[in-house]
Amino acid sequence: MNPENEVKTCPVCDGAQIGTPFTSLPSFLECRNCGLLFQVRHKDDSSLNRAYEDEEEDASARRIQAEEEERVRYYHDLFERIAEGHPQPGRVLEIGCGTGGLLQRFQKAGWQCEGIEPSPRLRRIAEESFGGSVPIHSERIESIEMDLTSIPYDLIVGIDVIEHLADPVLLPKKCFEWLKAEGTLFLQTPNAGSIRRYLQRESWEQLAPDEHLFIHTAQSLKRLLESTGFREVEVIPFSGSTTDSPARSVAMKSIGTLLRWMGMNNGLWASARKGKE
C-alpha cells in the first residue's frame, strides 16, 4: 500500500496535504504545509537505529570515532555558540553525547555534566575520557525514566538526535520535563529545505531510511517546539560540517550567508526556553 494513502495528516502541524517527493524512496512523505519530511513508522519501533548499539554493525559509531580528532574545532565552535547565552555554568545534559567531546568543553568551563549515549563503543570512550567523573547513561531516550542524576537541568543539548526518533514529540516533551524553569533546549538537525535536498534529490545523504524518520524545516521545528510548551523559540539555518577544514569553513561562511537568507542551509540550529513554572 502506498504510505501516502495511509497518512491523513502531518504529525507536526496536522496539515492534510501530504505528498511523496521521492520516486525511489516512497517511504518518505512530505507535508506541503510545514515542509516536514517523514517516514511512517510505529512510535515504539525498537529496531530503528539499533546498529548504533551493536558493536558488530555500528558503522556510524565507528565513523564518529574515526573522525574524533577532526572534531576538536567543531566542538569548540559549538560550545561557544551554545554557551553564548549561558555565561554562568550550571547543569547540562547532552542527549547522544557520543565520545563526550562537547561535554569535555562544558566540563572545562565549570559545568556539571551528564550524558546519554546508547552506543557501547562511543559510551566506553566517553566514560574513559572522563575517568568516571561524568555520568554517561546507556538507556535510549525512548525508555529512560527519571533516574538522571542532576534533574532539573539549566541546559539540554541534542546534536543530530531528533531526526532518529520514531515519535516526533518525545524529545522536546522529555526535555521540557527535565529542564528547570527558564532552562534552555538546544538542538541541531538536518534541514529539509536545504539546497542539497533539491539538487541531490534521492541521493541526498540525509535521506537515510534506516536512521532518519523526521527531517524538519525551520517552520516545522519551530512549530513542534512551541506546541510542546517552549517559548522564545529560534530556528536558524546553518552550513558546515563536523569535519570541515579551516579553509572550507571560511568558504562556507560566505556561501552560508546567502543560503541562510534563502533558508536553504544544510542544517538547522534551534534554541528554546522553558517558561517560568
C-alpha atoms as a PDB file:
ATOM      1  CA  MET A   1       0.000   0.000   0.000  1.00  0.00           C
ATOM      2  CA  ASN A   2       1.226   3.483  -0.772  1.00  0.00           C
ATOM      3  CA  PRO A   3       2.203   5.211   2.525  1.00  0.00           C
ATOM      4  CA  GLU A   4       0.725   8.419   1.145  1.00  0.00           C
ATOM      5  CA  ASN A   5      -2.690   6.769   1.185  1.00  0.00           C
ATOM      6  CA  GLU A   6      -2.261   5.646   4.807  1.00  0.00           C
ATOM      7  CA  VAL A   7      -1.362   9.048   6.272  1.00  0.00           C
ATOM      8  CA  LYS A   8      -4.092  11.652   6.503  1.00  0.00           C
ATOM      9  CA  THR A   9      -2.335  14.478   8.342  1.00  0.00           C
ATOM     10  CA  CYS A  10       1.156  15.737   9.181  1.00  0.00           C
ATOM     11  CA  PRO A  11       2.373  14.504  12.617  1.00  0.00           C
ATOM     12  CA  VAL A  12       3.635  18.001  13.481  1.00  0.00           C
ATOM     13  CA  CYS A  13       1.218  20.587  12.039  1.00  0.00           C
ATOM     14  CA  ASP A  14      -1.825  18.380  11.237  1.00  0.00           C
ATOM     15  CA  GLY A  15      -1.726  19.613   7.639  1.00  0.00           C
ATOM     16  CA  ALA A  16      -3.764  17.451   5.277  1.00  0.00           C
ATOM     17  CA  GLN A  17      -1.718  17.965   2.106  1.00  0.00           C
ATOM     18  CA  ILE A  18       0.691  15.017   2.098  1.00  0.00           C
ATOM     19  CA  GLY A  19       2.850  14.093  -0.900  1.00  0.00           C
ATOM     20  CA  THR A  20       5.541  11.606  -1.944  1.00  0.00           C
ATOM     21  CA  PRO A  21       8.528  13.722  -3.055  1.00  0.00           C
ATOM     22  CA  PHE A  22      10.991  10.924  -3.925  1.00  0.00           C
ATOM     23  CA  THR A  23      10.002   8.334  -6.513  1.00  0.00           C
ATOM     24  CA  SER A  24      12.623   5.780  -5.475  1.00  0.00           C
ATOM     25  CA  LEU A  25      12.025   6.350  -1.744  1.00  0.00           C
ATOM     26  CA  PRO A  26       8.247   6.051  -1.344  1.00  0.00           C
ATOM     27  CA  SER A  27       8.537   5.652   2.440  1.00  0.00           C
ATOM     28  CA  PHE A  28       9.389   9.355   2.743  1.00  0.00           C
ATOM     29  CA  LEU A  29       6.388  11.669   2.782  1.00  0.00           C
ATOM     30  CA  GLU A  30       6.268  15.457   2.758  1.00  0.00           C
ATOM     31  CA  CYS A  31       3.858  17.857   4.393  1.00  0.00           C
ATOM     32  CA  ARG A  32       3.149  20.603   1.872  1.00  0.00           C
ATOM     33  CA  ASN A  33       2.081  22.910   4.697  1.00  0.00           C
ATOM     34  CA  CYS A  34       5.151  22.966   7.020  1.00  0.00           C
ATOM     35  CA  GLY A  35       7.626  21.141   4.758  1.00  0.00           C
ATOM     36  CA  LEU A  36       8.367  18.263   7.161  1.00  0.00           C
ATOM     37  CA  LEU A  37       9.839  15.118   5.568  1.00  0.00           C
ATOM     38  CA  PHE A  38       8.858  11.994   7.487  1.00  0.00           C
ATOM     39  CA  GLN A  39       8.553   8.241   7.348  1.00  0.00           C
ATOM     40  CA  VAL A  40       5.599   6.279   8.644  1.00  0.00           C
ATOM     41  CA  ARG A  41       6.892   4.081  11.451  1.00  0.00           C
ATOM     42  CA  HIS A  42       5.322   2.951  14.695  1.00  0.00           C
ATOM     43  CA  LYS A  43       6.246   5.098  17.712  1.00  0.00           C
ATOM     44  CA  ASP A  44       7.504   2.032  19.580  1.00  0.00           C
ATOM     45  CA  ASP A  45       9.587   0.644  16.694  1.00  0.00           C
ATOM     46  CA  SER A  46      12.551  -0.742  18.637  1.00  0.00           C
ATOM     47  CA  SER A  47      14.528  -1.850  15.566  1.00  0.00           C
ATOM     48  CA  LEU A  48      15.339   1.669  14.348  1.00  0.00           C
ATOM     49  CA  ASN A  49      18.950   2.763  14.895  1.00  0.00           C
ATOM     50  CA  ARG A  50      19.824  -0.433  16.739  1.00  0.00           C
ATOM     51  CA  ALA A  51      23.015  -0.559  14.619  1.00  0.00           C
ATOM     52  CA  TYR A  52      24.410   2.150  16.886  1.00  0.00           C
ATOM     53  CA  GLU A  53      24.110  -0.292  19.791  1.00  0.00           C
ATOM     54  CA  ASP A  54      25.583  -3.358  18.013  1.00  0.00           C
ATOM     55  CA  GLU A  55      29.396  -3.314  18.050  1.00  0.00           C
ATOM     56  CA  GLU A  56      29.485  -5.696  15.079  1.00  0.00           C
ATOM     57  CA  GLU A  57      27.266  -3.468  12.915  1.00  0.00           C
ATOM     58  CA  ASP A  58      27.937   0.020  14.262  1.00  0.00           C
ATOM     59  CA  ALA A  59      29.357   1.623  11.114  1.00  0.00           C
ATOM     60  CA  SER A  60      28.069   5.058  12.111  1.00  0.00           C
ATOM     61  CA  ALA A  61      29.655   4.819  15.564  1.00  0.00           C
ATOM     62  CA  ARG A  62      32.947   3.700  14.003  1.00  0.00           C
ATOM     63  CA  ARG A  63      32.866   6.694  11.659  1.00  0.00           C
ATOM     64  CA  ILE A  64      32.276   9.089  14.544  1.00  0.00           C
ATOM     65  CA  GLN A  65      35.170   7.520  16.432  1.00  0.00           C
ATOM     66  CA  ALA A  66      37.482   7.796  13.406  1.00  0.00           C
ATOM     67  CA  GLU A  67      36.639  11.484  12.925  1.00  0.00           C
ATOM     68  CA  GLU A  68      37.154  12.443  16.564  1.00  0.00           C
ATOM     69  CA  GLU A  69      40.459  14.248  16.065  1.00  0.00           C
ATOM     70  CA  GLU A  70      38.909  16.317  13.269  1.00  0.00           C
ATOM     71  CA  ARG A  71      36.004  17.337  15.519  1.00  0.00           C
ATOM     72  CA  VAL A  72      38.045  19.368  18.031  1.00  0.00           C
ATOM     73  CA  ARG A  73      37.429  22.684  16.260  1.00  0.00           C
ATOM     74  CA  TYR A  74      33.769  21.755  15.768  1.00  0.00           C
ATOM     75  CA  TYR A  75      33.269  21.094  19.483  1.00  0.00           C
ATOM     76  CA  HIS A  76      34.953  24.399  20.309  1.00  0.00           C
ATOM     77  CA  ASP A  77      32.720  26.384  17.921  1.00  0.00           C
ATOM     78  CA  LEU A  78      29.610  24.529  19.054  1.00  0.00           C
ATOM     79  CA  PHE A  79      30.352  25.155  22.724  1.00  0.00           C
ATOM     80  CA  GLU A  80      30.971  28.850  22.084  1.00  0.00           C
ATOM     81  CA  ARG A  81      27.659  29.143  20.258  1.00  0.00           C
ATOM     82  CA  ILE A  82      25.662  27.372  22.968  1.00  0.00           C
ATOM     83  CA  ALA A  83      27.416  28.983  25.924  1.00  0.00           C
ATOM     84  CA  GLU A  84      26.947  32.474  24.497  1.00  0.00           C
ATOM     85  CA  GLY A  85      23.516  32.610  26.103  1.00  0.00           C
ATOM     86  CA  HIS A  86      24.720  30.906  29.292  1.00  0.00           C
ATOM     87  CA  PRO A  87      27.675  32.865  30.689  1.00  0.00           C
ATOM     88  CA  GLN A  88      27.308  31.223  34.126  1.00  0.00           C
ATOM     89  CA  PRO A  89      27.992  27.452  34.413  1.00  0.00           C
ATOM     90  CA  GLY A  90      25.153  25.211  35.536  1.00  0.00           C
ATOM     91  CA  ARG A  91      23.861  21.693  34.935  1.00  0.00           C
ATOM     92  CA  VAL A  92      23.972  20.384  31.362  1.00  0.00           C
ATOM     93  CA  LEU A  93      22.646  17.140  29.864  1.00  0.00           C
ATOM     94  CA  GLU A  94      23.704  16.065  26.376  1.00  0.00           C
ATOM     95  CA  ILE A  95      21.443  13.535  24.661  1.00  0.00           C
ATOM     96  CA  GLY A  96      23.501  11.424  22.263  1.00  0.00           C
ATOM     97  CA  CYS A  97      26.820  12.644  23.649  1.00  0.00           C
ATOM     98  CA  GLY A  98      28.950  10.318  21.510  1.00  0.00           C
ATOM     99  CA  THR A  99      32.559  10.202  22.694  1.00  0.00           C
ATOM    100  CA  GLY A 100      31.968  13.126  25.042  1.00  0.00           C
ATOM    101  CA  GLY A 101      33.908  15.744  23.080  1.00  0.00           C
ATOM    102  CA  LEU A 102      31.346  18.507  23.562  1.00  0.00           C
ATOM    103  CA  LEU A 103      30.774  17.665  27.227  1.00  0.00           C
ATOM    104  CA  GLN A 104      34.522  17.967  27.807  1.00  0.00           C
ATOM    105  CA  ARG A 105      34.293  21.599  26.716  1.00  0.00           C
ATOM    106  CA  PHE A 106      31.463  22.190  29.168  1.00  0.00           C
ATOM    107  CA  GLN A 107      33.323  20.465  31.999  1.00  0.00           C
ATOM    108  CA  LYS A 108      36.421  22.600  31.441  1.00  0.00           C
ATOM    109  CA  ALA A 109      34.200  25.682  31.674  1.00  0.00           C
ATOM    110  CA  GLY A 110      32.908  24.589  35.088  1.00  0.00           C
ATOM    111  CA  TRP A 111      29.595  22.962  34.135  1.00  0.00           C
ATOM    112  CA  GLN A 112      28.148  19.934  35.950  1.00  0.00           C
ATOM    113  CA  CYS A 113      27.829  17.457  33.082  1.00  0.00           C
ATOM    114  CA  GLU A 114      25.765  14.367  32.306  1.00  0.00           C
ATOM    115  CA  GLY A 115      25.243  12.405  29.087  1.00  0.00           C
ATOM    116  CA  ILE A 116      23.076   9.808  27.393  1.00  0.00           C
ATOM    117  CA  GLU A 117      24.738   7.540  24.818  1.00  0.00           C
ATOM    118  CA  PRO A 118      23.260   4.136  23.790  1.00  0.00           C
ATOM    119  CA  SER A 119      26.236   3.142  21.577  1.00  0.00           C
ATOM    120  CA  PRO A 120      28.540   0.873  23.663  1.00  0.00           C
ATOM    121  CA  ARG A 121      31.570   1.857  21.592  1.00  0.00           C
ATOM    122  CA  LEU A 122      31.067   5.619  21.934  1.00  0.00           C
ATOM    123  CA  ARG A 123      29.893   5.407  25.542  1.00  0.00           C
ATOM    124  CA  ARG A 124      33.028   3.471  26.541  1.00  0.00           C
ATOM    125  CA  ILE A 125      35.264   6.153  25.006  1.00  0.00           C
ATOM    126  CA  ALA A 126      33.297   8.897  26.794  1.00  0.00           C
ATOM    127  CA  GLU A 127      33.477   7.128  30.152  1.00  0.00           C
ATOM    128  CA  GLU A 128      37.220   6.580  29.805  1.00  0.00           C
ATOM    129  CA  SER A 129      37.823  10.201  28.813  1.00  0.00           C
ATOM    130  CA  PHE A 130      36.061  11.442  31.958  1.00  0.00           C
ATOM    131  CA  GLY A 131      37.515   8.813  34.280  1.00  0.00           C
ATOM    132  CA  GLY A 132      34.106   8.227  35.839  1.00  0.00           C
ATOM    133  CA  SER A 133      33.580  11.877  36.805  1.00  0.00           C
ATOM    134  CA  VAL A 134      30.637  12.348  34.425  1.00  0.00           C
ATOM    135  CA  PRO A 135      27.581  10.004  34.397  1.00  0.00           C
ATOM    136  CA  ILE A 136      27.002   8.559  30.900  1.00  0.00           C
ATOM    137  CA  HIS A 137      23.697   6.672  30.714  1.00  0.00           C
ATOM    138  CA  SER A 138      23.261   3.730  28.355  1.00  0.00           C
ATOM    139  CA  GLU A 139      19.462   3.886  28.049  1.00  0.00           C
ATOM    140  CA  ARG A 140      17.751   5.134  24.923  1.00  0.00           C
ATOM    141  CA  ILE A 141      15.700   8.281  25.436  1.00  0.00           C
ATOM    142  CA  GLU A 142      12.640   6.244  24.438  1.00  0.00           C
ATOM    143  CA  SER A 143      12.939   4.210  27.654  1.00  0.00           C
ATOM    144  CA  ILE A 144      14.893   6.323  30.142  1.00  0.00           C
ATOM    145  CA  GLU A 145      12.881   7.474  33.134  1.00  0.00           C
ATOM    146  CA  MET A 146      13.534   9.954  35.928  1.00  0.00           C
ATOM    147  CA  ASP A 147      16.770   8.285  37.074  1.00  0.00           C
ATOM    148  CA  LEU A 148      19.003  11.027  35.723  1.00  0.00           C
ATOM    149  CA  THR A 149      21.243  12.356  38.472  1.00  0.00           C
ATOM    150  CA  SER A 150      21.087  16.138  38.030  1.00  0.00           C
ATOM    151  CA  ILE A 151      17.442  16.948  37.206  1.00  0.00           C
ATOM    152  CA  PRO A 152      16.457  19.704  36.696  1.00  0.00           C
ATOM    153  CA  TYR A 153      18.947  20.981  34.113  1.00  0.00           C
ATOM    154  CA  ASP A 154      19.838  24.510  33.117  1.00  0.00           C
ATOM    155  CA  LEU A 155      20.621  23.325  29.599  1.00  0.00           C
ATOM    156  CA  ILE A 156      19.886  20.255  27.474  1.00  0.00           C
ATOM    157  CA  VAL A 157      21.689  19.680  24.175  1.00  0.00           C
ATOM    158  CA  GLY A 158      20.730  17.268  21.391  1.00  0.00           C
ATOM    159  CA  ILE A 159      23.057  17.278  18.353  1.00  0.00           C
ATOM    160  CA  ASP A 160      21.721  15.267  15.404  1.00  0.00           C
ATOM    161  CA  VAL A 161      19.323  13.254  17.568  1.00  0.00           C
ATOM    162  CA  ILE A 162      15.731  14.329  16.954  1.00  0.00           C
ATOM    163  CA  GLU A 163      15.685  13.053  13.355  1.00  0.00           C
ATOM    164  CA  HIS A 164      16.272   9.481  14.616  1.00  0.00           C
ATOM    165  CA  LEU A 165      13.277   9.169  16.944  1.00  0.00           C
ATOM    166  CA  ALA A 166      10.063   7.421  15.908  1.00  0.00           C
ATOM    167  CA  ASP A 167       7.913   9.791  17.995  1.00  0.00           C
ATOM    168  CA  PRO A 168       8.460  13.421  16.930  1.00  0.00           C
ATOM    169  CA  VAL A 169       7.202  14.815  20.242  1.00  0.00           C
ATOM    170  CA  LEU A 170       9.256  12.530  22.508  1.00  0.00           C
ATOM    171  CA  LEU A 171      12.486  14.530  22.758  1.00  0.00           C
ATOM    172  CA  PRO A 172      11.029  18.021  23.260  1.00  0.00           C
ATOM    173  CA  LYS A 173       8.438  16.671  25.702  1.00  0.00           C
ATOM    174  CA  LYS A 174      11.008  14.907  27.904  1.00  0.00           C
ATOM    175  CA  CYS A 175      13.415  17.830  27.716  1.00  0.00           C
ATOM    176  CA  PHE A 176      10.630  20.179  28.816  1.00  0.00           C
ATOM    177  CA  GLU A 177      10.067  17.945  31.865  1.00  0.00           C
ATOM    178  CA  TRP A 178      13.785  17.723  32.704  1.00  0.00           C
ATOM    179  CA  LEU A 179      14.605  21.433  32.371  1.00  0.00           C
ATOM    180  CA  LYS A 180      14.408  23.878  35.249  1.00  0.00           C
ATOM    181  CA  ALA A 181      12.255  26.970  34.883  1.00  0.00           C
ATOM    182  CA  GLU A 182      13.923  29.302  32.371  1.00  0.00           C
ATOM    183  CA  GLY A 183      16.130  26.395  31.219  1.00  0.00           C
ATOM    184  CA  THR A 184      17.155  26.112  27.568  1.00  0.00           C
ATOM    185  CA  LEU A 185      16.983  23.359  24.959  1.00  0.00           C
ATOM    186  CA  PHE A 186      19.489  23.488  22.111  1.00  0.00           C
ATOM    187  CA  LEU A 187      19.096  21.232  19.049  1.00  0.00           C
ATOM    188  CA  GLN A 188      20.893  20.636  15.770  1.00  0.00           C
ATOM    189  CA  THR A 189      19.288  18.662  12.946  1.00  0.00           C
ATOM    190  CA  PRO A 190      19.282  18.433   9.107  1.00  0.00           C
ATOM    191  CA  ASN A 191      17.236  20.959   7.120  1.00  0.00           C
ATOM    192  CA  ALA A 192      14.537  19.505   4.853  1.00  0.00           C
ATOM    193  CA  GLY A 193      14.526  22.805   2.990  1.00  0.00           C
ATOM    194  CA  SER A 194      18.234  22.732   2.166  1.00  0.00           C
ATOM    195  CA  ILE A 195      19.536  23.355  -1.330  1.00  0.00           C
ATOM    196  CA  ARG A 196      21.324  19.981  -1.249  1.00  0.00           C
ATOM    197  CA  ARG A 197      17.999  18.207  -0.803  1.00  0.00           C
ATOM    198  CA  TYR A 198      16.684  19.763  -4.033  1.00  0.00           C
ATOM    199  CA  LEU A 199      19.904  19.358  -6.015  1.00  0.00           C
ATOM    200  CA  GLN A 200      20.747  15.819  -4.905  1.00  0.00           C
ATOM    201  CA  ARG A 201      17.191  14.562  -4.529  1.00  0.00           C
ATOM    202  CA  GLU A 202      17.173  10.806  -3.739  1.00  0.00           C
ATOM    203  CA  SER A 203      20.978  10.804  -3.302  1.00  0.00           C
ATOM    204  CA  TRP A 204      20.874  13.415  -0.522  1.00  0.00           C
ATOM    205  CA  GLU A 205      22.852  11.894   2.333  1.00  0.00           C
ATOM    206  CA  GLN A 206      20.250  12.824   4.945  1.00  0.00           C
ATOM    207  CA  LEU A 207      17.691  10.534   3.340  1.00  0.00           C
ATOM    208  CA  ALA A 208      18.756   7.530   5.391  1.00  0.00           C
ATOM    209  CA  PRO A 209      15.647   5.316   5.660  1.00  0.00           C
ATOM    210  CA  ASP A 210      17.107   3.100   8.401  1.00  0.00           C
ATOM    211  CA  GLU A 211      18.150   6.070  10.552  1.00  0.00           C
ATOM    212  CA  HIS A 212      16.224   9.284   9.861  1.00  0.00           C
ATOM    213  CA  LEU A 213      12.472   9.401  10.409  1.00  0.00           C
ATOM    214  CA  PHE A 214      11.792  13.142  10.680  1.00  0.00           C
ATOM    215  CA  ILE A 215      13.706  15.780   8.726  1.00  0.00           C
ATOM    216  CA  HIS A 216      12.494  19.225   9.704  1.00  0.00           C
ATOM    217  CA  THR A 217      12.232  22.570   8.046  1.00  0.00           C
ATOM    218  CA  ALA A 218      12.707  25.696  10.166  1.00  0.00           C
ATOM    219  CA  GLN A 219       8.928  26.106  10.130  1.00  0.00           C
ATOM    220  CA  SER A 220       8.099  22.568  11.275  1.00  0.00           C
ATOM    221  CA  LEU A 221      10.747  22.517  14.021  1.00  0.00           C
ATOM    222  CA  LYS A 222       9.625  25.863  15.432  1.00  0.00           C
ATOM    223  CA  ARG A 223       6.034  24.699  15.421  1.00  0.00           C
ATOM    224  CA  LEU A 224       6.945  21.435  17.177  1.00  0.00           C
ATOM    225  CA  LEU A 225       8.837  23.176  19.972  1.00  0.00           C
ATOM    226  CA  GLU A 226       6.158  25.800  20.513  1.00  0.00           C
ATOM    227  CA  SER A 227       3.424  23.153  20.620  1.00  0.00           C
ATOM    228  CA  THR A 228       5.362  21.351  23.365  1.00  0.00           C
ATOM    229  CA  GLY A 229       5.287  24.469  25.532  1.00  0.00           C
ATOM    230  CA  PHE A 230       8.619  26.110  24.771  1.00  0.00           C
ATOM    231  CA  ARG A 231       8.857  29.867  24.256  1.00  0.00           C
ATOM    232  CA  GLU A 232      11.463  32.172  22.745  1.00  0.00           C
ATOM    233  CA  VAL A 233      11.952  29.556  20.007  1.00  0.00           C
ATOM    234  CA  GLU A 234      14.586  30.488  17.450  1.00  0.00           C
ATOM    235  CA  VAL A 235      15.468  28.282  14.479  1.00  0.00           C
ATOM    236  CA  ILE A 236      18.386  29.326  12.258  1.00  0.00           C
ATOM    237  CA  PRO A 237      19.647  27.547   9.114  1.00  0.00           C
ATOM    238  CA  PHE A 238      23.428  26.998   9.047  1.00  0.00           C
ATOM    239  CA  SER A 239      26.080  25.480   6.766  1.00  0.00           C
ATOM    240  CA  GLY A 240      29.178  23.445   7.500  1.00  0.00           C
ATOM    241  CA  SER A 241      30.029  20.034   8.897  1.00  0.00           C
ATOM    242  CA  THR A 242      31.838  18.489  11.843  1.00  0.00           C
ATOM    243  CA  THR A 243      34.999  17.867   9.830  1.00  0.00           C
ATOM    244  CA  ASP A 244      35.314  20.998   7.684  1.00  0.00           C
ATOM    245  CA  SER A 245      38.869  22.245   7.250  1.00  0.00           C
ATOM    246  CA  PRO A 246      39.585  25.881   8.277  1.00  0.00           C
ATOM    247  CA  ALA A 247      39.739  26.894   4.597  1.00  0.00           C
ATOM    248  CA  ARG A 248      36.429  25.220   3.813  1.00  0.00           C
ATOM    249  CA  SER A 249      34.881  26.780   6.920  1.00  0.00           C
ATOM    250  CA  VAL A 250      35.767  30.249   5.661  1.00  0.00           C
ATOM    251  CA  ALA A 251      34.333  29.472   2.219  1.00  0.00           C
ATOM    252  CA  MET A 252      31.164  28.031   3.710  1.00  0.00           C
ATOM    253  CA  LYS A 253      30.595  31.182   5.794  1.00  0.00           C
ATOM    254  CA  SER A 254      30.375  33.239   2.601  1.00  0.00           C
ATOM    255  CA  ILE A 255      28.111  30.765   0.856  1.00  0.00           C
ATOM    256  CA  GLY A 256      26.191  30.165   4.062  1.00  0.00           C
ATOM    257  CA  THR A 257      25.222  33.828   4.385  1.00  0.00           C
ATOM    258  CA  LEU A 258      23.386  33.662   1.064  1.00  0.00           C
ATOM    259  CA  LEU A 259      21.830  30.286   1.811  1.00  0.00           C
ATOM    260  CA  ARG A 260      20.748  31.472   5.269  1.00  0.00           C
ATOM    261  CA  TRP A 261      18.934  34.393   3.711  1.00  0.00           C
ATOM    262  CA  MET A 262      17.142  31.873   1.494  1.00  0.00           C
ATOM    263  CA  GLY A 263      16.625  29.408   4.366  1.00  0.00           C
ATOM    264  CA  MET A 264      18.431  26.687   2.399  1.00  0.00           C
ATOM    265  CA  ASN A 265      21.496  25.782   4.501  1.00  0.00           C
ATOM    266  CA  ASN A 266      22.065  22.094   5.107  1.00  0.00           C
ATOM    267  CA  GLY A 267      21.358  22.180   8.842  1.00  0.00           C
ATOM    268  CA  LEU A 268      19.212  23.862  11.486  1.00  0.00           C
ATOM    269  CA  TRP A 269      20.160  25.283  14.875  1.00  0.00           C
ATOM    270  CA  ALA A 270      17.292  25.599  17.324  1.00  0.00           C
ATOM    271  CA  SER A 271      17.138  27.114  20.793  1.00  0.00           C
ATOM    272  CA  ALA A 272      14.062  27.247  23.003  1.00  0.00           C
ATOM    273  CA  ARG A 273      13.408  28.316  26.576  1.00  0.00           C
ATOM    274  CA  LYS A 274      11.133  26.768  29.168  1.00  0.00           C
ATOM    275  CA  GLY A 275       8.847  29.329  30.755  1.00  0.00           C
ATOM    276  CA  LYS A 276       8.526  30.102  34.437  1.00  0.00           C
ATOM    277  CA  GLU A 277       6.674  27.479  36.430  1.00  0.00           C
END
